[in-house]
């Protein structure tokens, strides 16, 4: 079984040799099976034989989400549709959906990678795990489901949509683990508290992903639910959840780099940068058959380290994400990420981490208003000290982002909860 972590403890030389062999095979494979890559390589006079090892990866072209959209639906597939056993796709809310296809072997490797991540999070065959990601074209539900089955855990395919039913079943079924977005888990903790069920659950671990979240959010979730919370990472274009996950030391996410080769690129030059430097993450899928991707630019901002972890794993680690290139807001010349607001609000005990950023442009000047939700325990019909609290929050946010913002405190539960990826920004400037 690959998920017993043997690949995660290889020496660096062993891993490099494996990656080199797989990259050479991959390049030859896409050159002869994917017209898009063959034309890209021919345009720069590159042949498969020019790639002799992983050190030659920078000779290869990048792939972007636009490339997937331009080749919609199956133009980047490397096998005939008769060999594709499953299709997933993005929502397509910002353009054409990005479509990905999986062979039987792709699904097996995916399950093994997710199983490694769940093992890293302390989940095993004796656990009952609720999968509270959406099932369907989104990769989260089925991806986590198959990985949990791979390790022999008892799977409850809960999906999303009925949080009270979820919490009831969490108690009745004795769920010991859950897989969902961190924002949804925060909401689940509120429902458990409202229903008086917090002392009746057996939950011990959570494996959360599909959206950026902060270390402070992890600590908040662990405190509220008395669990350990782990960060799992993936994206549908590369595979789905299971590309990387953090261990019990929470010092970066271990990449399944025998299957996914990571690079961190300078946002300015798109050249690989040194370990520890912040840049855009790119992945090359070393073993995928259905839709292999070379140097896929994820738009996620992170840094990379190859140092051995305290847990004993030698696999490369990516740091907790600062955000996404396309999540970054430029407000009056200042780069702002929603995750910075989340981290700031978790410093203020009187409010929840639920918030909404409203960006506008008035008289050619960008404005930022942040709606912040008051905690139940600090809410009364006549809230005292509201002005002082508003100033306190404004100061904390200003310290976090280096920008003044108008803060509006709103009643508990008034900001819409999300059962999938949370929406934190309304940018009205796009209307102009």
Protein backbone atom coordinates (compact mmCIF):
# COMPACT_ATOMS: atom_id res chain seq x y z
CA UNK A 1 0.00 0.00 0.00
CA UNK A 2 1.42 3.38 -1.00
CA UNK A 3 -0.44 5.19 1.77
CA UNK A 4 1.81 3.64 4.43
CA UNK A 5 4.04 6.69 3.82
CA UNK A 6 7.08 4.86 2.37
CA UNK A 7 7.36 7.44 -0.43
CA UNK A 8 7.17 10.26 2.12
CA UNK A 9 10.39 9.13 3.82
CA UNK A 10 12.62 8.64 0.77
CA UNK A 11 15.99 10.37 0.69
CA UNK A 12 16.19 13.51 -1.43
CA UNK A 13 18.41 11.74 -3.98
CA UNK A 14 15.93 8.85 -4.24
CA UNK A 15 13.02 11.24 -4.72
CA UNK A 16 14.90 13.27 -7.34
CA UNK A 17 15.75 10.12 -9.29
CA UNK A 18 12.12 8.98 -9.19
CA UNK A 19 10.85 12.41 -10.27
CA UNK A 20 13.39 12.55 -13.11
CA UNK A 21 12.35 9.16 -14.45
CA UNK A 22 8.68 10.05 -14.25
CA UNK A 23 9.15 13.48 -15.84
CA UNK A 24 10.96 12.01 -18.85
CA UNK A 25 8.17 9.48 -19.29
CA UNK A 26 5.52 12.19 -18.88
CA UNK A 27 7.04 14.52 -21.48
CA UNK A 28 7.27 11.74 -24.04
CA UNK A 29 3.68 10.75 -23.22
CA UNK A 30 2.16 14.21 -23.68
CA UNK A 31 4.25 14.97 -26.78
CA UNK A 32 2.75 11.99 -28.56
CA UNK A 33 -0.76 12.12 -27.08
CA UNK A 34 -1.69 15.78 -26.49
CA UNK A 35 -1.58 18.10 -29.51
CA UNK A 36 -1.57 21.17 -27.25
CA UNK A 37 1.73 20.19 -25.62
CA UNK A 38 3.29 18.95 -28.84
CA UNK A 39 2.67 22.32 -30.49
CA UNK A 40 3.92 24.18 -27.41
CA UNK A 41 7.18 22.21 -27.43
CA UNK A 42 7.65 22.43 -31.17
CA UNK A 43 7.18 26.22 -31.00
CA UNK A 44 10.37 26.49 -28.91
CA UNK A 45 12.23 23.69 -30.69
CA UNK A 46 11.94 21.28 -27.76
CA UNK A 47 11.92 17.50 -28.15
CA UNK A 48 11.17 14.88 -25.47
CA UNK A 49 14.83 13.79 -25.64
CA UNK A 50 15.87 17.27 -24.46
CA UNK A 51 14.38 16.51 -21.02
CA UNK A 52 16.97 14.36 -19.24
CA UNK A 53 15.88 14.90 -15.65
CA UNK A 54 13.86 16.99 -13.24
CA UNK A 55 16.46 19.76 -13.49
CA UNK A 56 15.27 20.36 -17.08
CA UNK A 57 11.69 21.13 -16.06
CA UNK A 58 12.22 24.88 -16.54
CA UNK A 59 12.63 24.26 -20.28
CA UNK A 60 8.99 23.20 -20.44
CA UNK A 61 6.04 25.56 -21.04
CA UNK A 62 3.55 26.59 -18.38
CA UNK A 63 -0.10 25.56 -18.39
CA UNK A 64 -2.87 27.86 -17.13
CA UNK A 65 -6.56 27.62 -16.41
CA UNK A 66 -7.20 29.55 -19.62
CA UNK A 67 -5.51 26.73 -21.53
CA UNK A 68 -8.04 24.28 -20.09
CA UNK A 69 -10.90 26.60 -21.00
CA UNK A 70 -9.58 27.17 -24.50
CA UNK A 71 -9.46 23.40 -25.02
CA UNK A 72 -12.91 22.77 -23.49
CA UNK A 73 -14.11 20.14 -22.96
CA UNK A 74 -11.68 17.31 -23.80
CA UNK A 75 -8.88 18.93 -25.78
CA UNK A 76 -6.19 18.25 -23.16
CA UNK A 77 -7.12 14.62 -22.57
CA UNK A 78 -4.28 12.22 -23.35
CA UNK A 79 -6.41 9.10 -23.71
CA UNK A 80 -9.58 8.31 -25.68
CA UNK A 81 -12.85 8.87 -23.83
CA UNK A 82 -13.33 5.11 -23.65
CA UNK A 83 -10.50 5.04 -21.08
CA UNK A 84 -11.95 7.87 -18.98
CA UNK A 85 -13.98 6.42 -16.11
CA UNK A 86 -14.92 9.68 -14.39
CA UNK A 87 -15.22 13.37 -15.21
CA UNK A 88 -15.12 16.28 -12.78
CA UNK A 89 -15.41 19.99 -13.58
CA UNK A 90 -15.27 23.40 -11.97
CA UNK A 91 -18.42 25.45 -11.51
CA UNK A 92 -17.59 27.69 -14.46
CA UNK A 93 -18.82 30.78 -12.60
CA UNK A 94 -16.00 32.93 -14.00
CA UNK A 95 -15.98 31.47 -17.51
CA UNK A 96 -16.12 28.08 -19.16
CA UNK A 97 -15.84 25.17 -16.75
CA UNK A 98 -12.46 23.46 -16.50
CA UNK A 99 -13.01 19.77 -17.23
CA UNK A 100 -10.79 16.97 -15.96
CA UNK A 101 -10.93 13.26 -16.71
CA UNK A 102 -9.61 10.28 -14.75
CA UNK A 103 -8.55 6.82 -15.84
CA UNK A 104 -8.96 3.88 -13.47
CA UNK A 105 -5.28 4.21 -12.49
CA UNK A 106 -5.74 7.95 -11.86
CA UNK A 107 -8.54 7.21 -9.40
CA UNK A 108 -6.42 4.59 -7.62
CA UNK A 109 -3.53 7.04 -7.19
CA UNK A 110 -5.93 9.76 -6.06
CA UNK A 111 -7.38 7.50 -3.37
CA UNK A 112 -3.86 6.59 -2.22
CA UNK A 113 -2.83 10.25 -1.94
CA UNK A 114 -5.93 11.16 0.07
CA UNK A 115 -5.34 8.09 2.27
CA UNK A 116 -1.81 9.35 3.01
CA UNK A 117 -3.26 12.70 4.03
CA UNK A 118 -5.86 11.14 6.30
CA UNK A 119 -3.22 8.93 7.88
CA UNK A 120 -1.19 12.10 8.48
CA UNK A 121 -4.24 13.56 10.25
CA UNK A 122 -4.44 10.52 12.54
CA UNK A 123 -7.47 8.98 10.83
CA UNK A 124 -7.50 5.19 10.47
CA UNK A 125 -9.64 2.13 9.91
CA UNK A 126 -11.33 2.41 13.31
CA UNK A 127 -12.67 5.90 12.60
CA UNK A 128 -16.12 7.01 11.45
CA UNK A 129 -15.66 9.96 9.09
CA UNK A 130 -18.36 12.30 7.83
CA UNK A 131 -17.63 13.65 4.37
CA UNK A 132 -19.22 17.09 4.36
CA UNK A 133 -17.82 18.35 1.08
CA UNK A 134 -20.21 18.60 -1.85
CA UNK A 135 -20.59 15.49 -3.99
CA UNK A 136 -20.91 15.76 -7.76
CA UNK A 137 -18.73 17.59 -10.28
CA UNK A 138 -16.78 19.19 -7.41
CA UNK A 139 -13.83 16.93 -6.52
CA UNK A 140 -14.07 17.33 -2.74
CA UNK A 141 -16.80 14.84 -1.85
CA UNK A 142 -15.84 11.82 -3.93
CA UNK A 143 -12.12 12.53 -3.52
CA UNK A 144 -12.26 12.46 0.27
CA UNK A 145 -14.74 9.57 0.20
CA UNK A 146 -12.49 7.24 -1.81
CA UNK A 147 -9.45 8.08 0.31
CA UNK A 148 -11.33 7.31 3.52
CA UNK A 149 -12.46 3.96 2.12
CA UNK A 150 -8.84 3.23 1.11
CA UNK A 151 -7.72 3.32 4.74
CA UNK A 152 -10.73 1.25 5.79
CA UNK A 153 -12.56 3.95 7.73
CA UNK A 154 -16.35 3.91 8.01
CA UNK A 155 -17.59 6.61 5.64
CA UNK A 156 -20.73 8.70 6.15
CA UNK A 157 -21.32 10.47 2.77
CA UNK A 158 -23.13 13.40 4.36
CA UNK A 159 -22.36 16.07 1.74
CA UNK A 160 -23.77 19.56 2.52
CA UNK A 161 -27.21 21.08 2.72
CA UNK A 162 -28.69 20.08 6.09
CA UNK A 163 -26.43 21.06 8.96
CA UNK A 164 -28.84 20.08 11.75
CA UNK A 165 -29.18 16.61 10.26
CA UNK A 166 -25.38 16.45 10.01
CA UNK A 167 -24.90 17.28 13.69
CA UNK A 168 -27.60 14.81 14.73
CA UNK A 169 -25.92 12.04 12.76
CA UNK A 170 -22.55 13.12 14.10
CA UNK A 171 -23.83 12.23 17.55
CA UNK A 172 -25.91 9.18 16.61
CA UNK A 173 -23.23 7.57 14.40
CA UNK A 174 -20.37 8.44 16.76
CA UNK A 175 -18.38 10.29 14.09
CA UNK A 176 -14.74 10.66 15.09
CA UNK A 177 -13.58 12.65 12.05
CA UNK A 178 -14.98 15.07 9.50
CA UNK A 179 -13.85 16.39 6.11
CA UNK A 180 -15.21 19.79 5.03
CA UNK A 181 -14.25 23.40 4.41
CA UNK A 182 -12.95 25.26 7.49
CA UNK A 183 -15.68 27.90 7.20
CA UNK A 184 -18.34 25.17 7.21
CA UNK A 185 -16.76 23.51 10.22
CA UNK A 186 -16.94 26.83 12.03
CA UNK A 187 -20.65 26.93 11.24
CA UNK A 188 -21.08 23.33 12.38
CA UNK A 189 -19.51 24.25 15.72
CA UNK A 190 -22.14 26.98 16.11
CA UNK A 191 -24.97 24.56 15.32
CA UNK A 192 -23.60 22.03 17.82
CA UNK A 193 -23.51 24.73 20.48
CA UNK A 194 -27.03 25.92 19.71
CA UNK A 195 -28.37 22.36 19.84
CA UNK A 196 -26.54 21.59 23.09
CA UNK A 197 -24.59 18.74 21.48
CA UNK A 198 -20.99 19.80 22.03
CA UNK A 199 -20.53 17.47 25.01
CA UNK A 200 -22.11 14.54 23.14
CA UNK A 201 -19.88 14.34 20.08
CA UNK A 202 -16.93 11.97 19.73
CA UNK A 203 -15.15 14.04 17.12
CA UNK A 204 -11.36 13.98 17.43
CA UNK A 205 -10.05 15.22 14.08
CA UNK A 206 -10.97 17.30 11.06
CA UNK A 207 -9.37 17.48 7.65
CA UNK A 208 -10.28 20.81 6.07
CA UNK A 209 -9.54 22.37 2.71
CA UNK A 210 -10.95 23.91 -0.50
CA UNK A 211 -10.34 27.48 0.72
CA UNK A 212 -7.48 29.45 2.30
CA UNK A 213 -7.59 29.59 6.10
CA UNK A 214 -5.30 30.90 8.78
CA UNK A 215 -3.40 29.27 11.61
CA UNK A 216 -5.56 31.24 14.02
CA UNK A 217 -8.69 29.73 12.45
CA UNK A 218 -7.23 26.26 13.00
CA UNK A 219 -6.62 27.09 16.67
CA UNK A 220 -10.17 28.47 16.99
CA UNK A 221 -11.70 25.30 15.53
CA UNK A 222 -9.59 23.08 17.75
CA UNK A 223 -10.61 25.07 20.83
CA UNK A 224 -14.33 25.08 19.99
CA UNK A 225 -14.55 21.36 19.17
CA UNK A 226 -11.67 19.93 21.23
CA UNK A 227 -10.16 18.30 18.13
CA UNK A 228 -7.05 18.43 15.98
CA UNK A 229 -7.65 20.18 12.65
CA UNK A 230 -5.51 19.50 9.59
CA UNK A 231 -5.12 21.39 6.32
CA UNK A 232 -5.57 19.33 3.14
CA UNK A 233 -4.82 20.84 -0.24
CA UNK A 234 -5.69 20.07 -3.81
CA UNK A 235 -7.30 21.48 -6.90
CA UNK A 236 -9.41 19.76 -9.48
CA UNK A 237 -7.13 20.58 -12.40
CA UNK A 238 -4.22 18.76 -10.75
CA UNK A 239 -6.28 15.99 -9.08
CA UNK A 240 -8.53 17.16 -6.24
CA UNK A 241 -7.95 16.99 -2.46
CA UNK A 242 -4.89 15.00 -1.46
CA UNK A 243 -2.07 16.81 -3.23
CA UNK A 244 -0.70 17.86 0.18
CA UNK A 245 -1.61 17.86 3.88
CA UNK A 246 -0.06 18.97 7.16
CA UNK A 247 1.07 16.59 9.91
CA UNK A 248 0.61 16.96 13.66
CA UNK A 249 3.37 19.59 13.84
CA UNK A 250 1.52 21.95 11.45
CA UNK A 251 4.74 23.32 9.94
CA UNK A 252 3.75 23.16 6.30
CA UNK A 253 1.82 20.77 4.08
CA UNK A 254 3.63 17.63 2.94
CA UNK A 255 3.36 17.27 -0.84
CA UNK A 256 2.83 13.88 -2.45
CA UNK A 257 5.77 14.85 -4.61
CA UNK A 258 6.27 11.42 -6.15
CA UNK A 259 3.08 12.25 -8.07
CA UNK A 260 3.05 16.08 -8.09
CA UNK A 261 6.26 18.04 -8.61
CA UNK A 262 6.03 21.46 -6.92
CA UNK A 263 7.68 24.70 -7.97
CA UNK A 264 7.30 28.14 -6.41
CA UNK A 265 7.67 30.91 -8.99
CA UNK A 266 8.55 34.56 -8.75
CA UNK A 267 5.35 36.56 -9.47
CA UNK A 268 7.44 38.97 -11.55
CA UNK A 269 9.70 36.66 -13.58
CA UNK A 270 7.88 33.28 -13.29
CA UNK A 271 11.26 31.69 -12.56
CA UNK A 272 11.62 29.21 -9.67
CA UNK A 273 12.71 30.90 -6.44
CA UNK A 274 14.61 29.67 -3.39
CA UNK A 275 13.09 27.74 -0.51
CA UNK A 276 11.38 30.04 1.97
CA UNK A 277 10.52 32.77 -0.56
CA UNK A 278 6.87 33.60 -1.26
CA UNK A 279 5.62 33.04 -4.78
CA UNK A 280 3.07 31.32 -7.02
CA UNK A 281 2.78 27.55 -6.75
CA UNK A 282 2.98 25.41 -9.90
CA UNK A 283 2.56 21.65 -10.23
CA UNK A 284 3.56 19.05 -12.78
CA UNK A 285 1.49 15.86 -12.59
CA UNK A 286 4.13 13.14 -12.86
CA UNK A 287 1.80 10.12 -13.09
CA UNK A 288 -1.59 11.25 -14.39
CA UNK A 289 -2.92 9.50 -17.48
CA UNK A 290 -6.27 11.17 -18.23
CA UNK A 291 -5.26 14.83 -18.28
CA UNK A 292 -1.58 15.24 -17.42
CA UNK A 293 -0.49 18.83 -16.80
CA UNK A 294 2.96 20.37 -17.08
CA UNK A 295 3.91 23.29 -14.85
CA UNK A 296 0.30 24.18 -14.07
CA UNK A 297 0.12 27.63 -12.48
CA UNK A 298 -2.23 27.33 -9.50
CA UNK A 299 -2.32 31.06 -8.59
CA UNK A 300 -1.89 30.01 -4.94
CA UNK A 301 0.73 31.97 -2.99
CA UNK A 302 3.05 29.96 -0.77
CA UNK A 303 6.68 29.05 -0.10
CA UNK A 304 8.50 25.72 -0.29
CA UNK A 305 10.93 23.86 1.95
CA UNK A 306 12.78 20.57 1.47
CA UNK A 307 13.97 20.27 5.08
CA UNK A 308 13.12 17.07 6.92
CA UNK A 309 10.08 17.54 9.14
CA UNK A 310 9.95 16.81 12.86
CA UNK A 311 7.51 14.01 12.05
CA UNK A 312 10.25 12.21 10.10
CA UNK A 313 8.83 12.77 6.64
CA UNK A 314 11.29 13.97 4.01
CA UNK A 315 8.73 15.11 1.44
CA UNK A 316 8.73 18.75 0.33
CA UNK A 317 6.43 21.04 2.28
CA UNK A 318 4.47 24.10 1.20
CA UNK A 319 3.64 26.77 3.75
CA UNK A 320 0.09 27.66 4.71
CA UNK A 321 -1.29 29.71 1.83
CA UNK A 322 -1.27 33.47 2.08
CA UNK A 323 -4.03 33.57 -0.50
CA UNK A 324 -4.54 33.33 -4.23
CA UNK A 325 -3.23 35.67 -6.86
CA UNK A 326 -6.82 36.21 -8.04
CA UNK A 327 -8.09 36.64 -4.44
CA UNK A 328 -5.73 39.54 -3.86
CA UNK A 329 -7.45 42.91 -3.76
CA UNK A 330 -5.54 46.06 -4.63
CA UNK A 331 -7.12 48.85 -2.64
CA UNK A 332 -5.57 52.30 -2.88
CA UNK A 333 -2.33 50.67 -4.01
CA UNK A 334 -2.21 48.20 -1.09
CA UNK A 335 -2.34 44.42 -1.60
CA UNK A 336 -5.03 42.94 0.68
CA UNK A 337 -5.96 39.28 1.19
CA UNK A 338 -9.22 38.21 2.89
CA UNK A 339 -7.21 35.82 5.10
CA UNK A 340 -5.57 38.87 6.72
CA UNK A 341 -9.00 40.07 7.87
CA UNK A 342 -9.83 36.63 9.26
CA UNK A 343 -6.59 36.53 11.26
CA UNK A 344 -7.20 40.03 12.63
CA UNK A 345 -10.76 39.30 13.75
CA UNK A 346 -9.66 36.17 15.59
CA UNK A 347 -7.68 38.53 17.86
CA UNK A 348 -10.92 40.20 19.01
CA UNK A 349 -12.92 38.07 21.45
CA UNK A 350 -16.12 40.11 21.08
CA UNK A 351 -16.67 39.15 17.42
CA UNK A 352 -16.82 36.01 15.30
CA UNK A 353 -14.52 35.23 12.34
CA UNK A 354 -17.51 35.70 10.01
CA UNK A 355 -17.10 38.85 7.93
CA UNK A 356 -17.87 40.49 4.60
CA UNK A 357 -15.60 42.92 2.75
CA UNK A 358 -17.33 45.46 0.51
CA UNK A 359 -15.04 47.30 -1.88
CA UNK A 360 -16.32 50.29 -3.82
CA UNK A 361 -15.06 53.30 -5.76
CA UNK A 362 -16.38 56.72 -4.86
CA UNK A 363 -15.11 59.85 -6.63
CA UNK A 364 -12.32 57.74 -8.14
CA UNK A 365 -11.17 56.64 -4.68
CA UNK A 366 -11.30 53.02 -3.54
CA UNK A 367 -13.20 52.42 -0.29
CA UNK A 368 -13.29 49.39 1.99
CA UNK A 369 -16.14 48.60 4.38
CA UNK A 370 -16.01 45.48 6.54
CA UNK A 371 -19.10 43.99 8.17
CA UNK A 372 -18.12 42.15 11.35
CA UNK A 373 -20.43 39.90 13.33
CA UNK A 374 -20.81 40.32 17.07
CA UNK A 375 -20.51 37.18 19.20
CA UNK A 376 -23.69 35.92 20.87
CA UNK A 377 -22.21 36.27 24.35
CA UNK A 378 -21.57 40.00 23.83
CA UNK A 379 -24.91 40.79 22.23
CA UNK A 380 -27.73 42.51 24.16
CA UNK A 381 -30.69 44.64 23.11
CA UNK A 382 -28.70 47.72 24.10
CA UNK A 383 -25.12 47.07 23.17
CA UNK A 384 -22.82 49.20 25.29
CA UNK A 385 -19.40 50.29 24.19
CA UNK A 386 -20.12 49.73 20.50
CA UNK A 387 -18.16 52.79 19.44
CA UNK A 388 -15.11 51.73 21.43
CA UNK A 389 -15.31 48.19 20.01
CA UNK A 390 -15.58 49.54 16.47
CA UNK A 391 -12.43 51.60 17.01
CA UNK A 392 -10.67 48.57 18.46
CA UNK A 393 -11.53 46.42 15.44
CA UNK A 394 -10.58 49.20 13.03
CA UNK A 395 -7.18 49.48 14.71
CA UNK A 396 -6.56 45.71 14.58
CA UNK A 397 -7.50 45.57 10.90
CA UNK A 398 -5.37 48.61 10.08
CA UNK A 399 -2.39 46.94 11.77
CA UNK A 400 -3.00 43.77 9.74
CA UNK A 401 -3.41 45.26 6.26
CA UNK A 402 -1.84 48.69 6.51
CA UNK A 403 -5.04 50.33 5.33
CA UNK A 404 -7.91 52.12 7.05
CA UNK A 405 -11.37 50.59 6.63
CA UNK A 406 -14.86 51.47 7.74
CA UNK A 407 -16.03 48.82 10.21
CA UNK A 408 -19.71 48.04 10.72
CA UNK A 409 -20.66 45.69 13.54
CA UNK A 410 -23.70 43.54 12.73
CA UNK A 411 -25.90 41.22 14.80
CA UNK A 412 -25.02 37.56 15.46
CA UNK A 413 -25.91 35.13 12.63
CA UNK A 414 -26.61 37.99 10.21
CA UNK A 415 -23.75 37.18 7.83
CA UNK A 416 -24.67 34.35 5.49
CA UNK A 417 -23.05 31.01 6.30
CA UNK A 418 -21.52 28.87 3.60
CA UNK A 419 -21.62 25.09 3.36
CA UNK A 420 -19.01 25.15 0.61
CA UNK A 421 -16.35 27.71 -0.20
CA UNK A 422 -17.00 30.87 1.80
CA UNK A 423 -17.62 34.17 0.01
CA UNK A 424 -16.02 37.09 1.85
CA UNK A 425 -15.75 39.82 -0.80
CA UNK A 426 -18.20 41.99 -2.73
CA UNK A 427 -16.16 44.09 -5.15
CA UNK A 428 -18.48 46.70 -6.63
CA UNK A 429 -15.61 48.20 -8.64
CA UNK A 430 -16.17 45.46 -11.20
CA UNK A 431 -19.48 47.13 -12.06
CA UNK A 432 -17.80 50.33 -13.26
